[in-house]
Amino acid sequence: MHPVRVYVELRVVIGADGTMTPAHIKWKDGRIYEIDRVLDVRRAASEAGSMGVRYTVKIMGRVRRLFFEDSWSETGRARWFVESGGSTVNYEL
């Protein structure tokens, strides 16, 4: 199954140098997941479509890919999404 984009609310820390570090994700059902660690940051395409700055992060011991859609966003607004599973019905982090 192909991953899907799940747009999320995200708390991010922006350093004095402009570096963005994601701190936690608020999932669609209201659950909040702390980001344990940022493993990698780079511009990349998503397997779920779209592209942006990919943050490979560790959440609850699991590696996840979090994307910041900047100027490439189809809405024209910057948004965050998580690549999740392959089902549009049961999103899992």
PDB file of N, CA and C in Angstrom:
ATOM      1  N   MET A   1       0.828  -1.188   0.000  1.00  0.00           N
ATOM      2  CA  MET A   1       0.000   0.000   0.000  1.00  0.00           C
ATOM      3  C   MET A   1       0.866   1.242   0.000  1.00  0.00           C
ATOM      4  N   HIS A   2       0.364   2.264  -0.641  1.00  0.00           N
ATOM      5  CA  HIS A   2       1.065   3.538  -0.736  1.00  0.00           C
ATOM      6  C   HIS A   2       0.797   4.383   0.508  1.00  0.00           C
ATOM      7  N   PRO A   3       1.810   5.051   1.050  1.00  0.00           N
ATOM      8  CA  PRO A   3       1.564   5.945   2.185  1.00  0.00           C
ATOM      9  C   PRO A   3       0.644   7.101   1.782  1.00  0.00           C
ATOM     10  N   VAL A   4      -0.031   7.670   2.761  1.00  0.00           N
ATOM     11  CA  VAL A   4      -0.887   8.833   2.537  1.00  0.00           C
ATOM     12  C   VAL A   4      -0.348  10.006   3.349  1.00  0.00           C
ATOM     13  N   ARG A   5      -0.705  11.208   2.923  1.00  0.00           N
ATOM     14  CA  ARG A   5      -0.346  12.414   3.670  1.00  0.00           C
ATOM     15  C   ARG A   5      -1.403  12.663   4.727  1.00  0.00           C
ATOM     16  N   VAL A   6      -0.971  12.815   5.961  1.00  0.00           N
ATOM     17  CA  VAL A   6      -1.873  13.198   7.050  1.00  0.00           C
ATOM     18  C   VAL A   6      -1.369  14.541   7.568  1.00  0.00           C
ATOM     19  N   TYR A   7      -2.149  15.588   7.304  1.00  0.00           N
ATOM     20  CA  TYR A   7      -1.747  16.924   7.740  1.00  0.00           C
ATOM     21  C   TYR A   7      -1.978  17.043   9.235  1.00  0.00           C
ATOM     22  N   VAL A   8      -1.004  17.630   9.921  1.00  0.00           N
ATOM     23  CA  VAL A   8      -1.030  17.673  11.384  1.00  0.00           C
ATOM     24  C   VAL A   8      -0.712  19.073  11.888  1.00  0.00           C
ATOM     25  N   GLU A   9      -1.159  19.298  13.127  1.00  0.00           N
ATOM     26  CA  GLU A   9      -0.747  20.479  13.860  1.00  0.00           C
ATOM     27  C   GLU A   9       0.582  20.126  14.512  1.00  0.00           C
ATOM     28  N   LEU A  10       1.499  21.062  14.524  1.00  0.00           N
ATOM     29  CA  LEU A  10       2.835  20.741  14.999  1.00  0.00           C
ATOM     30  C   LEU A  10       3.387  21.893  15.829  1.00  0.00           C
ATOM     31  N   ARG A  11       4.019  21.562  16.935  1.00  0.00           N
ATOM     32  CA  ARG A  11       4.748  22.559  17.732  1.00  0.00           C
ATOM     33  C   ARG A  11       6.190  22.504  17.264  1.00  0.00           C
ATOM     34  N   VAL A  12       6.728  23.652  16.884  1.00  0.00           N
ATOM     35  CA  VAL A  12       8.097  23.698  16.365  1.00  0.00           C
ATOM     36  C   VAL A  12       8.868  24.791  17.093  1.00  0.00           C
ATOM     37  N   VAL A  13      10.126  24.516  17.357  1.00  0.00           N
ATOM     38  CA  VAL A  13      11.014  25.503  17.962  1.00  0.00           C
ATOM     39  C   VAL A  13      11.848  26.103  16.837  1.00  0.00           C
ATOM     40  N   ILE A  14      11.843  27.417  16.750  1.00  0.00           N
ATOM     41  CA  ILE A  14      12.625  28.092  15.719  1.00  0.00           C
ATOM     42  C   ILE A  14      13.785  28.801  16.403  1.00  0.00           C
ATOM     43  N   GLY A  15      14.985  28.386  16.043  1.00  0.00           N
ATOM     44  CA  GLY A  15      16.190  28.956  16.641  1.00  0.00           C
ATOM     45  C   GLY A  15      16.487  30.342  16.103  1.00  0.00           C
ATOM     46  N   ALA A  16      17.390  31.045  16.758  1.00  0.00           N
ATOM     47  CA  ALA A  16      17.786  32.393  16.348  1.00  0.00           C
ATOM     48  C   ALA A  16      18.338  32.396  14.924  1.00  0.00           C
ATOM     49  N   ASP A  17      18.898  31.269  14.492  1.00  0.00           N
ATOM     50  CA  ASP A  17      19.445  31.165  13.136  1.00  0.00           C
ATOM     51  C   ASP A  17      18.396  30.748  12.108  1.00  0.00           C
ATOM     52  N   GLY A  18      17.132  30.576  12.550  1.00  0.00           N
ATOM     53  CA  GLY A  18      16.046  30.194  11.643  1.00  0.00           C
ATOM     54  C   GLY A  18      15.833  28.697  11.523  1.00  0.00           C
ATOM     55  N   THR A  19      16.651  27.906  12.182  1.00  0.00           N
ATOM     56  CA  THR A  19      16.516  26.446  12.138  1.00  0.00           C
ATOM     57  C   THR A  19      15.227  26.018  12.832  1.00  0.00           C
ATOM     58  N   MET A  20      14.421  25.193  12.143  1.00  0.00           N
ATOM     59  CA  MET A  20      13.175  24.677  12.720  1.00  0.00           C
ATOM     60  C   MET A  20      13.420  23.284  13.277  1.00  0.00           C
ATOM     61  N   THR A  21      13.006  23.081  14.529  1.00  0.00           N
ATOM     62  CA  THR A  21      13.121  21.770  15.162  1.00  0.00           C
ATOM     63  C   THR A  21      11.742  21.371  15.668  1.00  0.00           C
ATOM     64  N   PRO A  22      11.114  20.346  15.061  1.00  0.00           N
ATOM     65  CA  PRO A  22       9.796  19.920  15.523  1.00  0.00           C
ATOM     66  C   PRO A  22       9.871  19.346  16.936  1.00  0.00           C
ATOM     67  N   ALA A  23       8.903  19.724  17.779  1.00  0.00           N
ATOM     68  CA  ALA A  23       8.893  19.293  19.177  1.00  0.00           C
ATOM     69  C   ALA A  23       7.813  18.251  19.453  1.00  0.00           C
ATOM     70  N   HIS A  24       6.585  18.496  18.970  1.00  0.00           N
ATOM     71  CA  HIS A  24       5.530  17.492  19.103  1.00  0.00           C
ATOM     72  C   HIS A  24       4.464  17.675  18.028  1.00  0.00           C
ATOM     73  N   ILE A  25       3.754  16.563  17.789  1.00  0.00           N
ATOM     74  CA  ILE A  25       2.699  16.501  16.780  1.00  0.00           C
ATOM     75  C   ILE A  25       1.373  16.316  17.483  1.00  0.00           C
ATOM     76  N   LYS A  26       0.374  17.063  17.047  1.00  0.00           N
ATOM     77  CA  LYS A  26      -1.000  16.836  17.526  1.00  0.00           C
ATOM     78  C   LYS A  26      -1.734  16.097  16.420  1.00  0.00           C
ATOM     79  N   TRP A  27      -2.107  14.841  16.698  1.00  0.00           N
ATOM     80  CA  TRP A  27      -2.775  13.982  15.726  1.00  0.00           C
ATOM     81  C   TRP A  27      -4.218  14.410  15.561  1.00  0.00           C
ATOM     82  N   LYS A  28      -4.874  13.950  14.500  1.00  0.00           N
ATOM     83  CA  LYS A  28      -6.249  14.359  14.185  1.00  0.00           C
ATOM     84  C   LYS A  28      -7.245  14.083  15.309  1.00  0.00           C
ATOM     85  N   ASP A  29      -7.000  13.054  16.105  1.00  0.00           N
ATOM     86  CA  ASP A  29      -7.926  12.722  17.193  1.00  0.00           C
ATOM     87  C   ASP A  29      -7.578  13.449  18.495  1.00  0.00           C
ATOM     88  N   GLY A  30      -6.590  14.358  18.439  1.00  0.00           N
ATOM     89  CA  GLY A  30      -6.241  15.157  19.608  1.00  0.00           C
ATOM     90  C   GLY A  30      -5.056  14.638  20.408  1.00  0.00           C
ATOM     91  N   ARG A  31      -4.623  13.405  20.127  1.00  0.00           N
ATOM     92  CA  ARG A  31      -3.461  12.876  20.855  1.00  0.00           C
ATOM     93  C   ARG A  31      -2.217  13.676  20.493  1.00  0.00           C
ATOM     94  N   ILE A  32      -1.348  13.859  21.486  1.00  0.00           N
ATOM     95  CA  ILE A  32      -0.102  14.585  21.266  1.00  0.00           C
ATOM     96  C   ILE A  32       1.059  13.616  21.396  1.00  0.00           C
ATOM     97  N   TYR A  33       1.936  13.645  20.402  1.00  0.00           N
ATOM     98  CA  TYR A  33       3.107  12.768  20.378  1.00  0.00           C
ATOM     99  C   TYR A  33       4.368  13.621  20.425  1.00  0.00           C
ATOM    100  N   GLU A  34       5.171  13.402  21.447  1.00  0.00           N
ATOM    101  CA  GLU A  34       6.457  14.097  21.556  1.00  0.00           C
ATOM    102  C   GLU A  34       7.422  13.522  20.523  1.00  0.00           C
ATOM    103  N   ILE A  35       8.201  14.379  19.918  1.00  0.00           N
ATOM    104  CA  ILE A  35       9.249  13.929  19.001  1.00  0.00           C
ATOM    105  C   ILE A  35      10.498  13.722  19.835  1.00  0.00           C
ATOM    106  N   ASP A  36      10.919  12.465  19.919  1.00  0.00           N
ATOM    107  CA  ASP A  36      12.058  12.106  20.758  1.00  0.00           C
ATOM    108  C   ASP A  36      13.369  12.647  20.206  1.00  0.00           C
ATOM    109  N   ARG A  37      13.491  12.583  18.876  1.00  0.00           N
ATOM    110  CA  ARG A  37      14.770  12.940  18.273  1.00  0.00           C
ATOM    111  C   ARG A  37      14.593  13.203  16.786  1.00  0.00           C
ATOM    112  N   VAL A  38      15.320  14.195  16.271  1.00  0.00           N
ATOM    113  CA  VAL A  38      15.381  14.439  14.829  1.00  0.00           C
ATOM    114  C   VAL A  38      16.631  13.736  14.329  1.00  0.00           C
ATOM    115  N   LEU A  39      16.443  12.790  13.402  1.00  0.00           N
ATOM    116  CA  LEU A  39      17.557  11.983  12.903  1.00  0.00           C
ATOM    117  C   LEU A  39      18.198  12.573  11.648  1.00  0.00           C
ATOM    118  N   ASP A  40      17.377  13.249  10.816  1.00  0.00           N
ATOM    119  CA  ASP A  40      17.891  13.769   9.548  1.00  0.00           C
ATOM    120  C   ASP A  40      16.950  14.856   9.042  1.00  0.00           C
ATOM    121  N   VAL A  41      17.505  15.834   8.339  1.00  0.00           N
ATOM    122  CA  VAL A  41      16.712  16.903   7.711  1.00  0.00           C
ATOM    123  C   VAL A  41      17.277  17.125   6.315  1.00  0.00           C
ATOM    124  N   ARG A  42      16.393  17.086   5.301  1.00  0.00           N
ATOM    125  CA  ARG A  42      16.815  17.340   3.920  1.00  0.00           C
ATOM    126  C   ARG A  42      15.596  17.607   3.044  1.00  0.00           C
ATOM    127  N   ARG A  43      15.792  18.298   1.928  1.00  0.00           N
ATOM    128  CA  ARG A  43      14.712  18.492   0.959  1.00  0.00           C
ATOM    129  C   ARG A  43      14.539  17.176   0.213  1.00  0.00           C
ATOM    130  N   ALA A  44      13.285  16.728   0.118  1.00  0.00           N
ATOM    131  CA  ALA A  44      13.041  15.427  -0.505  1.00  0.00           C
ATOM    132  C   ALA A  44      11.593  15.322  -0.965  1.00  0.00           C
ATOM    133  N   ALA A  45      11.364  14.367  -1.858  1.00  0.00           N
ATOM    134  CA  ALA A  45      10.011  14.036  -2.296  1.00  0.00           C
ATOM    135  C   ALA A  45       9.417  13.026  -1.320  1.00  0.00           C
ATOM    136  N   SER A  46       8.113  13.103  -1.155  1.00  0.00           N
ATOM    137  CA  SER A  46       7.405  12.158  -0.307  1.00  0.00           C
ATOM    138  C   SER A  46       6.855  11.012  -1.143  1.00  0.00           C
ATOM    139  N   GLU A  47       6.852   9.806  -0.600  1.00  0.00           N
ATOM    140  CA  GLU A  47       6.237   8.664  -1.289  1.00  0.00           C
ATOM    141  C   GLU A  47       4.728   8.834  -1.384  1.00  0.00           C
ATOM    142  N   ALA A  48       4.168   9.739  -0.567  1.00  0.00           N
ATOM    143  CA  ALA A  48       2.727   9.997  -0.579  1.00  0.00           C
ATOM    144  C   ALA A  48       2.366  11.130  -1.541  1.00  0.00           C
ATOM    145  N   GLY A  49       3.346  11.614  -2.282  1.00  0.00           N
ATOM    146  CA  GLY A  49       3.120  12.741  -3.182  1.00  0.00           C
ATOM    147  C   GLY A  49       3.537  14.026  -2.490  1.00  0.00           C
ATOM    148  N   SER A  50       3.885  15.040  -3.266  1.00  0.00           N
ATOM    149  CA  SER A  50       4.343  16.326  -2.772  1.00  0.00           C
ATOM    150  C   SER A  50       5.831  16.268  -2.446  1.00  0.00           C
ATOM    151  N   MET A  51       6.358  17.403  -2.054  1.00  0.00           N
ATOM    152  CA  MET A  51       7.753  17.447  -1.622  1.00  0.00           C
ATOM    153  C   MET A  51       7.938  18.627  -0.699  1.00  0.00           C
ATOM    154  N   GLY A  52       9.054  18.641  -0.017  1.00  0.00           N
ATOM    155  CA  GLY A  52       9.349  19.719   0.918  1.00  0.00           C
ATOM    156  C   GLY A  52      10.579  19.365   1.714  1.00  0.00           C
ATOM    157  N   VAL A  53      10.647  19.879   2.915  1.00  0.00           N
ATOM    158  CA  VAL A  53      11.755  19.555   3.801  1.00  0.00           C
ATOM    159  C   VAL A  53      11.332  18.334   4.613  1.00  0.00           C
ATOM    160  N   ARG A  54      12.088  17.241   4.450  1.00  0.00           N
ATOM    161  CA  ARG A  54      11.757  15.986   5.155  1.00  0.00           C
ATOM    162  C   ARG A  54      12.548  15.918   6.451  1.00  0.00           C
ATOM    163  N   TYR A  55      11.822  15.710   7.532  1.00  0.00           N
ATOM    164  CA  TYR A  55      12.421  15.489   8.837  1.00  0.00           C
ATOM    165  C   TYR A  55      12.218  14.011   9.164  1.00  0.00           C
ATOM    166  N   THR A  56      13.297  13.274   9.266  1.00  0.00           N
ATOM    167  CA  THR A  56      13.200  11.894   9.724  1.00  0.00           C
ATOM    168  C   THR A  56      13.318  11.978  11.239  1.00  0.00           C
ATOM    169  N   VAL A  57      12.254  11.536  11.923  1.00  0.00           N
ATOM    170  CA  VAL A  57      12.186  11.713  13.376  1.00  0.00           C
ATOM    171  C   VAL A  57      11.900  10.379  14.070  1.00  0.00           C
ATOM    172  N   LYS A  58      12.156  10.359  15.351  1.00  0.00           N
ATOM    173  CA  LYS A  58      11.830   9.197  16.163  1.00  0.00           C
ATOM    174  C   LYS A  58      10.732   9.607  17.135  1.00  0.00           C
ATOM    175  N   ILE A  59       9.619   8.877  17.091  1.00  0.00           N
ATOM    176  CA  ILE A  59       8.466   9.115  17.961  1.00  0.00           C
ATOM    177  C   ILE A  59       8.118   7.799  18.636  1.00  0.00           C
ATOM    178  N   MET A  60       8.161   7.768  19.951  1.00  0.00           N
ATOM    179  CA  MET A  60       7.858   6.554  20.717  1.00  0.00           C
ATOM    180  C   MET A  60       8.670   5.359  20.204  1.00  0.00           C
ATOM    181  N   GLY A  61       9.934   5.605  19.882  1.00  0.00           N
ATOM    182  CA  GLY A  61      10.823   4.539  19.442  1.00  0.00           C
ATOM    183  C   GLY A  61      10.687   4.134  17.989  1.00  0.00           C
ATOM    184  N   ARG A  62       9.774   4.766  17.241  1.00  0.00           N
ATOM    185  CA  ARG A  62       9.562   4.415  15.834  1.00  0.00           C
ATOM    186  C   ARG A  62      10.014   5.553  14.932  1.00  0.00           C
ATOM    187  N   VAL A  63      10.662   5.212  13.837  1.00  0.00           N
ATOM    188  CA  VAL A  63      11.128   6.209  12.872  1.00  0.00           C
ATOM    189  C   VAL A  63       9.966   6.587  11.958  1.00  0.00           C
ATOM    190  N   ARG A  64       9.750   7.905  11.822  1.00  0.00           N
ATOM    191  CA  ARG A  64       8.674   8.431  10.976  1.00  0.00           C
ATOM    192  C   ARG A  64       9.216   9.540  10.102  1.00  0.00           C
ATOM    193  N   ARG A  65       8.530   9.780   8.978  1.00  0.00           N
ATOM    194  CA  ARG A  65       8.924  10.854   8.067  1.00  0.00           C
ATOM    195  C   ARG A  65       7.885  11.958   8.140  1.00  0.00           C
ATOM    196  N   LEU A  66       8.357  13.121   8.549  1.00  0.00           N
ATOM    197  CA  LEU A  66       7.542  14.308   8.729  1.00  0.00           C
ATOM    198  C   LEU A  66       7.993  15.323   7.684  1.00  0.00           C
ATOM    199  N   PHE A  67       7.042  15.934   6.984  1.00  0.00           N
ATOM    200  CA  PHE A  67       7.387  16.866   5.913  1.00  0.00           C
ATOM    201  C   PHE A  67       6.846  18.255   6.191  1.00  0.00           C
ATOM    202  N   PHE A  68       7.669  19.242   5.873  1.00  0.00           N
ATOM    203  CA  PHE A  68       7.247  20.635   5.877  1.00  0.00           C
ATOM    204  C   PHE A  68       7.093  21.038   4.415  1.00  0.00           C
ATOM    205  N   GLU A  69       5.841  21.174   3.979  1.00  0.00           N
ATOM    206  CA  GLU A  69       5.546  21.633   2.613  1.00  0.00           C
ATOM    207  C   GLU A  69       5.652  23.149   2.636  1.00  0.00           C
ATOM    208  N   ASP A  70       6.666  23.676   2.013  1.00  0.00           N
ATOM    209  CA  ASP A  70       6.821  25.117   2.004  1.00  0.00           C
ATOM    210  C   ASP A  70       6.224  25.686   0.723  1.00  0.00           C
ATOM    211  N   SER A  71       7.006  26.264  -0.127  1.00  0.00           N
ATOM    212  CA  SER A  71       6.480  26.880  -1.350  1.00  0.00           C
ATOM    213  C   SER A  71       5.946  25.862  -2.352  1.00  0.00           C
ATOM    214  N   TRP A  72       6.214  24.574  -2.144  1.00  0.00           N
ATOM    215  CA  TRP A  72       5.745  23.537  -3.071  1.00  0.00           C
ATOM    216  C   TRP A  72       4.314  23.096  -2.783  1.00  0.00           C
ATOM    217  N   SER A  73       3.737  23.552  -1.675  1.00  0.00           N
ATOM    218  CA  SER A  73       2.396  23.121  -1.279  1.00  0.00           C
ATOM    219  C   SER A  73       1.363  23.493  -2.330  1.00  0.00           C
ATOM    220  N   GLU A  74       0.438  22.564  -2.590  1.00  0.00           N
ATOM    221  CA  GLU A  74      -0.610  22.824  -3.580  1.00  0.00           C
ATOM    222  C   GLU A  74      -1.569  23.924  -3.136  1.00  0.00           C
ATOM    223  N   THR A  75      -1.639  24.203  -1.831  1.00  0.00           N
ATOM    224  CA  THR A  75      -2.516  25.260  -1.323  1.00  0.00           C
ATOM    225  C   THR A  75      -1.847  26.624  -1.363  1.00  0.00           C
ATOM    226  N   GLY A  76      -0.509  26.627  -1.561  1.00  0.00           N
ATOM    227  CA  GLY A  76       0.223  27.878  -1.523  1.00  0.00           C
ATOM    228  C   GLY A  76       0.591  28.298  -0.107  1.00  0.00           C
ATOM    229  N   ARG A  77       0.167  27.507   0.899  1.00  0.00           N
ATOM    230  CA  ARG A  77       0.490  27.785   2.300  1.00  0.00           C
ATOM    231  C   ARG A  77       1.426  26.704   2.817  1.00  0.00           C
ATOM    232  N   ALA A  78       2.292  27.090   3.722  1.00  0.00           N
ATOM    233  CA  ALA A  78       3.189  26.113   4.345  1.00  0.00           C
ATOM    234  C   ALA A  78       2.383  25.226   5.290  1.00  0.00           C
ATOM    235  N   ARG A  79       2.566  23.896   5.171  1.00  0.00           N
ATOM    236  CA  ARG A  79       1.857  22.945   6.030  1.00  0.00           C
ATOM    237  C   ARG A  79       2.782  21.795   6.375  1.00  0.00           C
ATOM    238  N   TRP A  80       2.443  21.073   7.459  1.00  0.00           N
ATOM    239  CA  TRP A  80       3.188  19.894   7.903  1.00  0.00           C
ATOM    240  C   TRP A  80       2.333  18.651   7.683  1.00  0.00           C
ATOM    241  N   PHE A  81       2.969  17.570   7.224  1.00  0.00           N
ATOM    242  CA  PHE A  81       2.255  16.297   7.155  1.00  0.00           C
ATOM    243  C   PHE A  81       3.185  15.153   7.527  1.00  0.00           C
ATOM    244  N   VAL A  82       2.554  14.054   7.942  1.00  0.00           N
ATOM    245  CA  VAL A  82       3.257  12.818   8.261  1.00  0.00           C
ATOM    246  C   VAL A  82       2.884  11.810   7.192  1.00  0.00           C
ATOM    247  N   GLU A  83       3.868  11.055   6.688  1.00  0.00           N
ATOM    248  CA  GLU A  83       3.549   9.909   5.821  1.00  0.00           C
ATOM    249  C   GLU A  83       3.033   8.813   6.743  1.00  0.00           C
ATOM    250  N   SER A  84       1.850   8.308   6.430  1.00  0.00           N
ATOM    251  CA  SER A  84       1.247   7.321   7.315  1.00  0.00           C
ATOM    252  C   SER A  84       0.681   6.156   6.535  1.00  0.00           C
ATOM    253  N   GLY A  85       0.980   4.949   7.004  1.00  0.00           N
ATOM    254  CA  GLY A  85       0.421   3.704   6.490  1.00  0.00           C
ATOM    255  C   GLY A  85       0.107   3.711   5.018  1.00  0.00           C
ATOM    256  N   GLY A  86      -1.024   3.126   4.658  1.00  0.00           N
ATOM    257  CA  GLY A  86      -1.448   3.101   3.283  1.00  0.00           C
ATOM    258  C   GLY A  86      -2.951   3.187   3.189  1.00  0.00           C
ATOM    259  N   SER A  87      -3.594   3.381   4.320  1.00  0.00           N
ATOM    260  CA  SER A  87      -5.045   3.417   4.354  1.00  0.00           C
ATOM    261  C   SER A  87      -5.521   4.839   4.600  1.00  0.00           C
ATOM    262  N   THR A  88      -6.497   5.270   3.841  1.00  0.00           N
ATOM    263  CA  THR A  88      -7.063   6.591   4.071  1.00  0.00           C
ATOM    264  C   THR A  88      -8.106   6.539   5.182  1.00  0.00           C
ATOM    265  N   VAL A  89      -8.422   5.362   5.687  1.00  0.00           N
ATOM    266  CA  VAL A  89      -9.422   5.199   6.739  1.00  0.00           C
ATOM    267  C   VAL A  89      -8.780   5.158   8.120  1.00  0.00           C
ATOM    268  N   ASN A  90      -7.769   4.319   8.315  1.00  0.00           N
ATOM    269  CA  ASN A  90      -7.141   4.140   9.618  1.00  0.00           C
ATOM    270  C   ASN A  90      -5.744   4.731   9.646  1.00  0.00           C
ATOM    271  N   TYR A  91      -5.660   6.008   9.953  1.00  0.00           N
ATOM    272  CA  TYR A  91      -4.351   6.648  10.029  1.00  0.00           C
ATOM    273  C   TYR A  91      -3.660   6.191  11.291  1.00  0.00           C
ATOM    274  N   GLU A  92      -2.416   5.856  11.170  1.00  0.00           N
ATOM    275  CA  GLU A  92      -1.610   5.461  12.334  1.00  0.00           C
ATOM    276  C   GLU A  92      -0.317   6.229  12.313  1.00  0.00           C
ATOM    277  N   LEU A  93       0.132   6.610  13.466  1.00  0.00           N
ATOM    278  CA  LEU A  93       1.415   7.287  13.580  1.00  0.00           C
ATOM    279  C   LEU A  93       2.436   6.239  13.898  1.00  0.00           C
TER     280      LEU A  93
END
